[in-house]
PDB file of N, CA and C in Angstrom:
ATOM      1  N   MET A   1       4.858 -23.178   5.908  1.00  0.00           N
ATOM      2  CA  MET A   1       5.252 -22.852   7.252  1.00  0.00           C
ATOM      3  C   MET A   1       6.646 -22.240   7.288  1.00  0.00           C
ATOM      4  N   ARG A   2       7.544 -22.753   6.414  1.00  0.00           N
ATOM      5  CA  ARG A   2       8.899 -22.195   6.410  1.00  0.00           C
ATOM      6  C   ARG A   2       8.880 -20.716   6.059  1.00  0.00           C
ATOM      7  N   GLU A   3       8.017 -20.390   5.106  1.00  0.00           N
ATOM      8  CA  GLU A   3       7.937 -18.981   4.687  1.00  0.00           C
ATOM      9  C   GLU A   3       7.457 -18.105   5.837  1.00  0.00           C
ATOM     10  N   ILE A   4       6.492 -18.561   6.581  1.00  0.00           N
ATOM     11  CA  ILE A   4       5.987 -17.780   7.714  1.00  0.00           C
ATOM     12  C   ILE A   4       7.073 -17.640   8.769  1.00  0.00           C
ATOM     13  N   ARG A   5       7.810 -18.746   9.031  1.00  0.00           N
ATOM     14  CA  ARG A   5       8.913 -18.652  10.002  1.00  0.00           C
ATOM     15  C   ARG A   5       9.981 -17.668   9.534  1.00  0.00           C
ATOM     16  N   ARG A   6      10.305 -17.729   8.230  1.00  0.00           N
ATOM     17  CA  ARG A   6      11.327 -16.824   7.691  1.00  0.00           C
ATOM     18  C   ARG A   6      10.886 -15.372   7.833  1.00  0.00           C
ATOM     19  N   ARG A   7       9.651 -15.127   7.474  1.00  0.00           N
ATOM     20  CA  ARG A   7       9.160 -13.743   7.568  1.00  0.00           C
ATOM     21  C   ARG A   7       9.061 -13.299   9.017  1.00  0.00           C
ATOM     22  N   THR A   8       8.749 -14.232   9.900  1.00  0.00           N
ATOM     23  CA  THR A   8       8.695 -13.891  11.321  1.00  0.00           C
ATOM     24  C   THR A   8      10.072 -13.456  11.808  1.00  0.00           C
ATOM     25  N   ARG A   9      11.121 -14.171  11.380  1.00  0.00           N
ATOM     26  CA  ARG A   9      12.470 -13.793  11.782  1.00  0.00           C
ATOM     27  C   ARG A   9      12.841 -12.425  11.218  1.00  0.00           C
ATOM     28  N   VAL A  10      12.430 -12.145   9.983  1.00  0.00           N
ATOM     29  CA  VAL A  10      12.750 -10.852   9.360  1.00  0.00           C
ATOM     30  C   VAL A  10      12.031  -9.716  10.070  1.00  0.00           C
ATOM     31  N   VAL A  11      10.735  -9.920  10.306  1.00  0.00           N
ATOM     32  CA  VAL A  11       9.935  -8.860  10.906  1.00  0.00           C
ATOM     33  C   VAL A  11      10.251  -8.718  12.392  1.00  0.00           C
ATOM     34  N   GLY A  12      10.541  -9.847  13.038  1.00  0.00           N
ATOM     35  CA  GLY A  12      10.779  -9.805  14.483  1.00  0.00           C
ATOM     36  C   GLY A  12       9.476 -10.023  15.220  1.00  0.00           C
ATOM     37  N   ALA A  13       9.265  -9.296  16.245  1.00  0.00           N
ATOM     38  CA  ALA A  13       8.044  -9.439  17.040  1.00  0.00           C
ATOM     39  C   ALA A  13       6.892  -8.746  16.326  1.00  0.00           C
ATOM     40  N   PHE A  14       5.753  -9.343  16.354  1.00  0.00           N
ATOM     41  CA  PHE A  14       4.576  -8.729  15.762  1.00  0.00           C
ATOM     42  C   PHE A  14       3.961  -7.764  16.774  1.00  0.00           C
ATOM     43  N   PRO A  15       3.441  -6.653  16.278  1.00  0.00           N
ATOM     44  CA  PRO A  15       2.847  -5.681  17.199  1.00  0.00           C
ATOM     45  C   PRO A  15       1.620  -6.242  17.935  1.00  0.00           C
ATOM     46  N   ASP A  16       0.851  -7.097  17.241  1.00  0.00           N
ATOM     47  CA  ASP A  16      -0.319  -7.716  17.877  1.00  0.00           C
ATOM     48  C   ASP A  16      -0.646  -9.023  17.157  1.00  0.00           C
ATOM     49  N   GLY A  17      -1.639  -9.710  17.669  1.00  0.00           N
ATOM     50  CA  GLY A  17      -2.010 -11.002  17.087  1.00  0.00           C
ATOM     51  C   GLY A  17      -2.558 -10.886  15.680  1.00  0.00           C
ATOM     52  N   ASN A  18      -3.219  -9.776  15.384  1.00  0.00           N
ATOM     53  CA  ASN A  18      -3.787  -9.587  14.043  1.00  0.00           C
ATOM     54  C   ASN A  18      -2.703  -9.528  12.981  1.00  0.00           C
ATOM     55  N   SER A  19      -1.560  -8.960  13.308  1.00  0.00           N
ATOM     56  CA  SER A  19      -0.468  -8.884  12.335  1.00  0.00           C
ATOM     57  C   SER A  19       0.012 -10.281  11.962  1.00  0.00           C
ATOM     58  N   ALA A  20       0.139 -11.155  12.936  1.00  0.00           N
ATOM     59  CA  ALA A  20       0.552 -12.532  12.669  1.00  0.00           C
ATOM     60  C   ALA A  20      -0.496 -13.251  11.829  1.00  0.00           C
ATOM     61  N   ILE A  21      -1.761 -13.031  12.152  1.00  0.00           N
ATOM     62  CA  ILE A  21      -2.850 -13.660  11.386  1.00  0.00           C
ATOM     63  C   ILE A  21      -2.861 -13.137   9.959  1.00  0.00           C
ATOM     64  N   ASN A  22      -2.629 -11.837   9.788  1.00  0.00           N
ATOM     65  CA  ASN A  22      -2.593 -11.258   8.437  1.00  0.00           C
ATOM     66  C   ASN A  22      -1.472 -11.877   7.611  1.00  0.00           C
ATOM     67  N   LEU A  23      -0.308 -12.092   8.216  1.00  0.00           N
ATOM     68  CA  LEU A  23       0.805 -12.707   7.496  1.00  0.00           C
ATOM     69  C   LEU A  23       0.448 -14.128   7.083  1.00  0.00           C
ATOM     70  N   ALA A  24      -0.113 -14.897   8.004  1.00  0.00           N
ATOM     71  CA  ALA A  24      -0.493 -16.270   7.684  1.00  0.00           C
ATOM     72  C   ALA A  24      -1.583 -16.299   6.613  1.00  0.00           C
ATOM     73  N   ALA A  25      -2.560 -15.413   6.701  1.00  0.00           N
ATOM     74  CA  ALA A  25      -3.636 -15.364   5.707  1.00  0.00           C
ATOM     75  C   ALA A  25      -3.099 -14.982   4.334  1.00  0.00           C
ATOM     76  N   ALA A  26      -2.154 -14.049   4.289  1.00  0.00           N
ATOM     77  CA  ALA A  26      -1.560 -13.656   3.007  1.00  0.00           C
ATOM     78  C   ALA A  26      -0.843 -14.848   2.379  1.00  0.00           C
ATOM     79  N   ARG A  27      -0.143 -15.599   3.183  1.00  0.00           N
ATOM     80  CA  ARG A  27       0.573 -16.771   2.657  1.00  0.00           C
ATOM     81  C   ARG A  27      -0.416 -17.827   2.160  1.00  0.00           C
ATOM     82  N   LEU A  28      -1.489 -18.028   2.879  1.00  0.00           N
ATOM     83  CA  LEU A  28      -2.494 -18.997   2.440  1.00  0.00           C
ATOM     84  C   LEU A  28      -3.175 -18.558   1.152  1.00  0.00           C
ATOM     85  N   ARG A  29      -3.430 -17.248   1.013  1.00  0.00           N
ATOM     86  CA  ARG A  29      -4.014 -16.741  -0.236  1.00  0.00           C
ATOM     87  C   ARG A  29      -3.064 -16.979  -1.398  1.00  0.00           C
ATOM     88  N   HIS A  30      -1.775 -16.801  -1.162  1.00  0.00           N
ATOM     89  CA  HIS A  30      -0.779 -17.028  -2.210  1.00  0.00           C
ATOM     90  C   HIS A  30      -0.778 -18.506  -2.619  1.00  0.00           C
ATOM     91  N   ILE A  31      -0.787 -19.389  -1.633  1.00  0.00           N
ATOM     92  CA  ILE A  31      -0.771 -20.825  -1.926  1.00  0.00           C
ATOM     93  C   ILE A  31      -2.037 -21.221  -2.688  1.00  0.00           C
ATOM     94  N   ALA A  32      -3.189 -20.677  -2.284  1.00  0.00           N
ATOM     95  CA  ALA A  32      -4.453 -21.014  -2.941  1.00  0.00           C
ATOM     96  C   ALA A  32      -4.471 -20.552  -4.390  1.00  0.00           C
ATOM     97  N   GLY A  33      -3.720 -19.510  -4.710  1.00  0.00           N
ATOM     98  CA  GLY A  33      -3.715 -18.978  -6.069  1.00  0.00           C
ATOM     99  C   GLY A  33      -2.675 -19.595  -6.973  1.00  0.00           C
ATOM    100  N   THR A  34      -1.863 -20.514  -6.493  1.00  0.00           N
ATOM    101  CA  THR A  34      -0.812 -21.128  -7.303  1.00  0.00           C
ATOM    102  C   THR A  34      -1.098 -22.605  -7.491  1.00  0.00           C
ATOM    103  N   ARG A  35      -0.214 -23.268  -8.223  1.00  0.00           N
ATOM    104  CA  ARG A  35      -0.408 -24.693  -8.475  1.00  0.00           C
ATOM    105  C   ARG A  35      -0.243 -25.540  -7.223  1.00  0.00           C
ATOM    106  N   TRP A  36       0.345 -24.985  -6.173  1.00  0.00           N
ATOM    107  CA  TRP A  36       0.515 -25.730  -4.926  1.00  0.00           C
ATOM    108  C   TRP A  36      -0.832 -26.144  -4.351  1.00  0.00           C
ATOM    109  N   SER A  37      -1.853 -25.351  -4.610  1.00  0.00           N
ATOM    110  CA  SER A  37      -3.164 -25.679  -4.037  1.00  0.00           C
ATOM    111  C   SER A  37      -3.820 -26.855  -4.749  1.00  0.00           C
ATOM    112  N   THR A  38      -3.340 -27.211  -5.939  1.00  0.00           N
ATOM    113  CA  THR A  38      -3.942 -28.324  -6.673  1.00  0.00           C
ATOM    114  C   THR A  38      -3.249 -29.644  -6.395  1.00  0.00           C
ATOM    115  N   LYS A  39      -2.137 -29.624  -5.673  1.00  0.00           N
ATOM    116  CA  LYS A  39      -1.403 -30.860  -5.383  1.00  0.00           C
ATOM    117  C   LYS A  39      -2.217 -31.724  -4.428  1.00  0.00           C
ATOM    118  N   ARG A  40      -2.313 -32.991  -4.767  1.00  0.00           N
ATOM    119  CA  ARG A  40      -3.047 -33.923  -3.921  1.00  0.00           C
ATOM    120  C   ARG A  40      -2.055 -34.872  -3.272  1.00  0.00           C
ATOM    121  N   TYR A  41      -2.213 -35.039  -2.000  1.00  0.00           N
ATOM    122  CA  TYR A  41      -1.329 -35.924  -1.269  1.00  0.00           C
ATOM    123  C   TYR A  41      -1.928 -37.305  -1.070  1.00  0.00           C
ATOM    124  N   LEU A  42      -3.216 -37.444  -1.341  1.00  0.00           N
ATOM    125  CA  LEU A  42      -3.893 -38.713  -1.165  1.00  0.00           C
ATOM    126  C   LEU A  42      -4.825 -38.920  -2.347  1.00  0.00           C
ATOM    127  N   ASN A  43      -4.631 -40.006  -3.050  1.00  0.00           N
ATOM    128  CA  ASN A  43      -5.457 -40.316  -4.205  1.00  0.00           C
ATOM    129  C   ASN A  43      -6.732 -41.014  -3.724  1.00  0.00           C
ATOM    130  N   MET A  44      -7.850 -40.325  -3.801  1.00  0.00           N
ATOM    131  CA  MET A  44      -9.111 -40.861  -3.307  1.00  0.00           C
ATOM    132  C   MET A  44      -9.605 -42.027  -4.168  1.00  0.00           C
ATOM    133  N   GLU A  45      -9.200 -42.074  -5.431  1.00  0.00           N
ATOM    134  CA  GLU A  45      -9.618 -43.169  -6.311  1.00  0.00           C
ATOM    135  C   GLU A  45      -9.090 -44.511  -5.785  1.00  0.00           C
ATOM    136  N   LEU A  46      -7.864 -44.501  -5.270  1.00  0.00           N
ATOM    137  CA  LEU A  46      -7.304 -45.730  -4.708  1.00  0.00           C
ATOM    138  C   LEU A  46      -8.112 -46.202  -3.501  1.00  0.00           C
ATOM    139  N   LEU A  47      -8.567 -45.264  -2.677  1.00  0.00           N
ATOM    140  CA  LEU A  47      -9.398 -45.643  -1.529  1.00  0.00           C
ATOM    141  C   LEU A  47     -10.744 -46.200  -1.977  1.00  0.00           C
ATOM    142  N   THR A  48     -11.304 -45.610  -3.016  1.00  0.00           N
ATOM    143  CA  THR A  48     -12.582 -46.090  -3.544  1.00  0.00           C
ATOM    144  C   THR A  48     -12.433 -47.515  -4.074  1.00  0.00           C
ATOM    145  N   GLN A  49     -11.349 -47.764  -4.816  1.00  0.00           N
ATOM    146  CA  GLN A  49     -11.107 -49.107  -5.336  1.00  0.00           C
ATOM    147  C   GLN A  49     -10.896 -50.099  -4.199  1.00  0.00           C
ATOM    148  N   ARG A  50     -10.153 -49.691  -3.191  1.00  0.00           N
ATOM    149  CA  ARG A  50      -9.891 -50.555  -2.034  1.00  0.00           C
ATOM    150  C   ARG A  50     -11.201 -50.920  -1.343  1.00  0.00           C
ATOM    151  N   ASN A  51     -12.055 -49.926  -1.138  1.00  0.00           N
ATOM    152  CA  ASN A  51     -13.330 -50.180  -0.470  1.00  0.00           C
ATOM    153  C   ASN A  51     -14.208 -51.115  -1.296  1.00  0.00           C
ATOM    154  N   ALA A  52     -14.160 -50.961  -2.630  1.00  0.00           N
ATOM    155  CA  ALA A  52     -14.946 -51.830  -3.499  1.00  0.00           C
ATOM    156  C   ALA A  52     -14.450 -53.271  -3.414  1.00  0.00           C
ATOM    157  N   MET A  53     -13.134 -53.448  -3.221  1.00  0.00           N
ATOM    158  CA  MET A  53     -12.577 -54.790  -3.097  1.00  0.00           C
ATOM    159  C   MET A  53     -12.860 -55.393  -1.723  1.00  0.00           C
ATOM    160  N   ILE A  54     -12.882 -54.587  -0.698  1.00  0.00           N
ATOM    161  CA  ILE A  54     -13.019 -55.083   0.665  1.00  0.00           C
ATOM    162  C   ILE A  54     -14.472 -55.389   1.025  1.00  0.00           C
ATOM    163  N   GLU A  55     -15.411 -54.668   0.459  1.00  0.00           N
ATOM    164  CA  GLU A  55     -16.824 -54.847   0.828  1.00  0.00           C
ATOM    165  C   GLU A  55     -17.297 -56.291   0.694  1.00  0.00           C
ATOM    166  N   PRO A  56     -17.018 -56.978  -0.428  1.00  0.00           N
ATOM    167  CA  PRO A  56     -17.440 -58.385  -0.504  1.00  0.00           C
ATOM    168  C   PRO A  56     -16.778 -59.250   0.565  1.00  0.00           C
ATOM    169  N   LEU A  57     -15.531 -58.952   0.890  1.00  0.00           N
ATOM    170  CA  LEU A  57     -14.838 -59.721   1.929  1.00  0.00           C
ATOM    171  C   LEU A  57     -15.496 -59.520   3.289  1.00  0.00           C
ATOM    172  N   LEU A  58     -15.956 -58.297   3.543  1.00  0.00           N
ATOM    173  CA  LEU A  58     -16.641 -58.034   4.811  1.00  0.00           C
ATOM    174  C   LEU A  58     -17.951 -58.803   4.899  1.00  0.00           C
ATOM    175  N   ILE A  59     -18.637 -58.918   3.770  1.00  0.00           N
ATOM    176  CA  ILE A  59     -19.895 -59.670   3.743  1.00  0.00           C
ATOM    177  C   ILE A  59     -19.615 -61.149   4.011  1.00  0.00           C
ATOM    178  N   VAL A  60     -18.565 -61.678   3.380  1.00  0.00           N
ATOM    179  CA  VAL A  60     -18.199 -63.084   3.597  1.00  0.00           C
ATOM    180  C   VAL A  60     -17.817 -63.302   5.055  1.00  0.00           C
ATOM    181  N   ARG A  61     -17.043 -62.389   5.626  1.00  0.00           N
ATOM    182  CA  ARG A  61     -16.636 -62.526   7.028  1.00  0.00           C
ATOM    183  C   ARG A  61     -17.858 -62.528   7.953  1.00  0.00           C
ATOM    184  N   ARG A  62     -18.797 -61.612   7.674  1.00  0.00           N
ATOM    185  CA  ARG A  62     -20.009 -61.544   8.484  1.00  0.00           C
ATOM    186  C   ARG A  62     -20.792 -62.854   8.382  1.00  0.00           C
ATOM    187  N   THR A  63     -20.905 -63.384   7.166  1.00  0.00           N
ATOM    188  CA  THR A  63     -21.623 -64.636   6.956  1.00  0.00           C
ATOM    189  C   THR A  63     -20.924 -65.786   7.681  1.00  0.00           C
ATOM    190  N   LEU A  64     -19.599 -65.838   7.590  1.00  0.00           N
ATOM    191  CA  LEU A  64     -18.854 -66.899   8.272  1.00  0.00           C
ATOM    192  C   LEU A  64     -19.016 -66.809   9.781  1.00  0.00           C
ATOM    193  N   ARG A  65     -18.990 -65.615  10.310  1.00  0.00           N
ATOM    194  CA  ARG A  65     -19.181 -65.457  11.748  1.00  0.00           C
ATOM    195  C   ARG A  65     -20.574 -65.935  12.170  1.00  0.00           C
ATOM    196  N   GLU A  66     -21.584 -65.643  11.357  1.00  0.00           N
ATOM    197  CA  GLU A  66     -22.933 -66.108  11.663  1.00  0.00           C
ATOM    198  C   GLU A  66     -22.985 -67.635  11.625  1.00  0.00           C
ATOM    199  N   GLN A  67     -22.336 -68.230  10.612  1.00  0.00           N
ATOM    200  CA  GLN A  67     -22.322 -69.690  10.496  1.00  0.00           C
ATOM    201  C   GLN A  67     -21.583 -70.324  11.667  1.00  0.00           C
ATOM    202  N   ILE A  68     -20.483 -69.722  12.071  1.00  0.00           N
ATOM    203  CA  ILE A  68     -19.730 -70.225  13.225  1.00  0.00           C
ATOM    204  C   ILE A  68     -20.595 -70.164  14.475  1.00  0.00           C
ATOM    205  N   GLY A  69     -21.333 -69.080  14.643  1.00  0.00           N
ATOM    206  CA  GLY A  69     -22.231 -68.960  15.792  1.00  0.00           C
ATOM    207  C   GLY A  69     -23.289 -70.047  15.793  1.00  0.00           C
ATOM    208  N   ILE A  70     -23.842 -70.332  14.624  1.00  0.00           N
ATOM    209  CA  ILE A  70     -24.856 -71.388  14.516  1.00  0.00           C
ATOM    210  C   ILE A  70     -24.237 -72.739  14.868  1.00  0.00           C
ATOM    211  N   LEU A  71     -23.042 -73.019  14.329  1.00  0.00           N
ATOM    212  CA  LEU A  71     -22.381 -74.292  14.606  1.00  0.00           C
ATOM    213  C   LEU A  71     -22.019 -74.430  16.076  1.00  0.00           C
ATOM    214  N   GLN A  72     -21.584 -73.348  16.693  1.00  0.00           N
ATOM    215  CA  GLN A  72     -21.270 -73.394  18.119  1.00  0.00           C
ATOM    216  C   GLN A  72     -22.525 -73.717  18.938  1.00  0.00           C
ATOM    217  N   GLY A  73     -23.626 -73.110  18.549  1.00  0.00           N
ATOM    218  CA  GLY A  73     -24.885 -73.394  19.232  1.00  0.00           C
ATOM    219  C   GLY A  73     -25.283 -74.852  19.096  1.00  0.00           C
ATOM    220  N   ARG A  74     -25.129 -75.405  17.884  1.00  0.00           N
ATOM    221  CA  ARG A  74     -25.462 -76.818  17.669  1.00  0.00           C
ATOM    222  C   ARG A  74     -24.524 -77.721  18.457  1.00  0.00           C
ATOM    223  N   LEU A  75     -23.249 -77.368  18.490  1.00  0.00           N
ATOM    224  CA  LEU A  75     -22.277 -78.165  19.239  1.00  0.00           C
ATOM    225  C   LEU A  75     -22.618 -78.173  20.729  1.00  0.00           C
ATOM    226  N   LEU A  76     -23.038 -77.043  21.236  1.00  0.00           N
ATOM    227  CA  LEU A  76     -23.438 -76.979  22.644  1.00  0.00           C
ATOM    228  C   LEU A  76     -24.606 -77.912  22.918  1.00  0.00           C
ATOM    229  N   VAL A  77     -25.573 -77.935  22.017  1.00  0.00           N
ATOM    230  CA  VAL A  77     -26.734 -78.817  22.187  1.00  0.00           C
ATOM    231  C   VAL A  77     -26.282 -80.267  22.185  1.00  0.00           C
ATOM    232  N   ILE A  78     -25.370 -80.634  21.282  1.00  0.00           N
ATOM    233  CA  ILE A  78     -24.867 -82.010  21.204  1.00  0.00           C
ATOM    234  C   ILE A  78     -24.122 -82.375  22.486  1.00  0.00           C
ATOM    235  N   VAL A  79     -23.275 -81.467  22.987  1.00  0.00           N
ATOM    236  CA  VAL A  79     -22.514 -81.745  24.206  1.00  0.00           C
ATOM    237  C   VAL A  79     -23.455 -81.904  25.391  1.00  0.00           C
ATOM    238  N   ARG A  80     -24.434 -81.054  25.496  1.00  0.00           N
ATOM    239  CA  ARG A  80     -25.399 -81.165  26.606  1.00  0.00           C
ATOM    240  C   ARG A  80     -26.169 -82.483  26.516  1.00  0.00           C
ATOM    241  N   HIS A  81     -26.547 -82.820  25.289  1.00  0.00           N
ATOM    242  CA  HIS A  81     -27.291 -84.061  25.102  1.00  0.00           C
ATOM    243  C   HIS A  81     -26.405 -85.257  25.447  1.00  0.00           C
ATOM    244  N   ALA A  82     -25.134 -85.197  25.059  1.00  0.00           N
ATOM    245  CA  ALA A  82     -24.211 -86.302  25.348  1.00  0.00           C
ATOM    246  C   ALA A  82     -23.998 -86.462  26.848  1.00  0.00           C
ATOM    247  N   ARG A  83     -24.020 -85.388  27.590  1.00  0.00           N
ATOM    248  CA  ARG A  83     -23.864 -85.462  29.037  1.00  0.00           C
ATOM    249  C   ARG A  83     -25.056 -86.173  29.695  1.00  0.00           C
ATOM    250  N   ASP A  84     -26.219 -86.019  29.088  1.00  0.00           N
ATOM    251  CA  ASP A  84     -27.437 -86.611  29.646  1.00  0.00           C
ATOM    252  C   ASP A  84     -27.558 -88.106  29.330  1.00  0.00           C
ATOM    253  N   LEU A  85     -26.791 -88.617  28.360  1.00  0.00           N
ATOM    254  CA  LEU A  85     -26.886 -90.032  27.997  1.00  0.00           C
ATOM    255  C   LEU A  85     -26.240 -90.901  29.068  1.00  0.00           C
ATOM    256  N   PRO A  86     -26.839 -92.064  29.320  1.00  0.00           N
ATOM    257  CA  PRO A  86     -26.207 -92.983  30.295  1.00  0.00           C
ATOM    258  C   PRO A  86     -24.969 -93.624  29.688  1.00  0.00           C
ATOM    259  N   GLU A  87     -24.028 -93.947  30.515  1.00  0.00           N
ATOM    260  CA  GLU A  87     -22.793 -94.552  30.024  1.00  0.00           C
ATOM    261  C   GLU A  87     -22.917 -96.033  29.892  1.00  0.00           C
TER     262      GLU A  87
END
């Protein structure tokens, strides 16, 4: 982006929109042809490893939530039954 801004200041006003697009496209072609295009800002392997570690935890969480739901249901039955008992 700095290069495009610099060239914009040098050239001044563009005659039309196509001239600006041509400048940006030329800069992108240059970047694609150099080592800058191979630089990675996010390592996907780390995300893959993270997901592999988290998946079992998600399964455990889902199972625990199901168990909690079952226990809550049983507790409700016990409380209702206790209300019906004579004192």
